[in-house]
C-alpha cells in the first residue's frame, strides 16, 4: 500500500523541523523510520486515513498491539509511541497551515488538548496502554558517581 501524500508531506515538514533544531542525523533517520512504519501500517489497515487529523486513538492502540503481536519489546513500542506523540505535537504547534479546520490549537487550561491531533498526543487513558506507564512501571535507578 502507498502512504497518502498528505501524511508524507507532514512527515517531511516534521523531519525538516528536527534538522532546523540541529537534531542528530541518526535520530532523524530513526524518527523517519518509526513514523513511516506507522503510516505503512495505517495504509494497510485503514484506507480512510488520508490525513493526520483522521488518525484516532484506536489506530495508535491497534498499532501498538500489532507491534506486541510481532514480539516487539515494550521498550521498542514505547519509543515508537514517543515518536508518534512528538510528530503529533509538531502538528499542533505548526497549526497545519492551509487547513483551517486543523489549525486549532489548545485553548483551554495548560495540559488540555482541544484539537484534532489529540489522539496523537494522548493515545489512551486505557490502563493497558503504554501511555502514563511511568507511574506503574518499575524504574531501575542507578547512582552515577560524581567526578
Foldseek 3Di string as FASTA:
>chain_A
DDQAPQLVVLLVVVLVVCVVVVHDPVVSVVLSVLSVVLSVVCVVPPVVPRHLLPDALVSLVVVLVVCVVVVHDPVVSVVSLVSLQSSLVVCQVVLPPPDVQQSDHDDDDPPDGDGSSVCSNPSDPDPPDPPPCPVVDDDDDDDDDDD
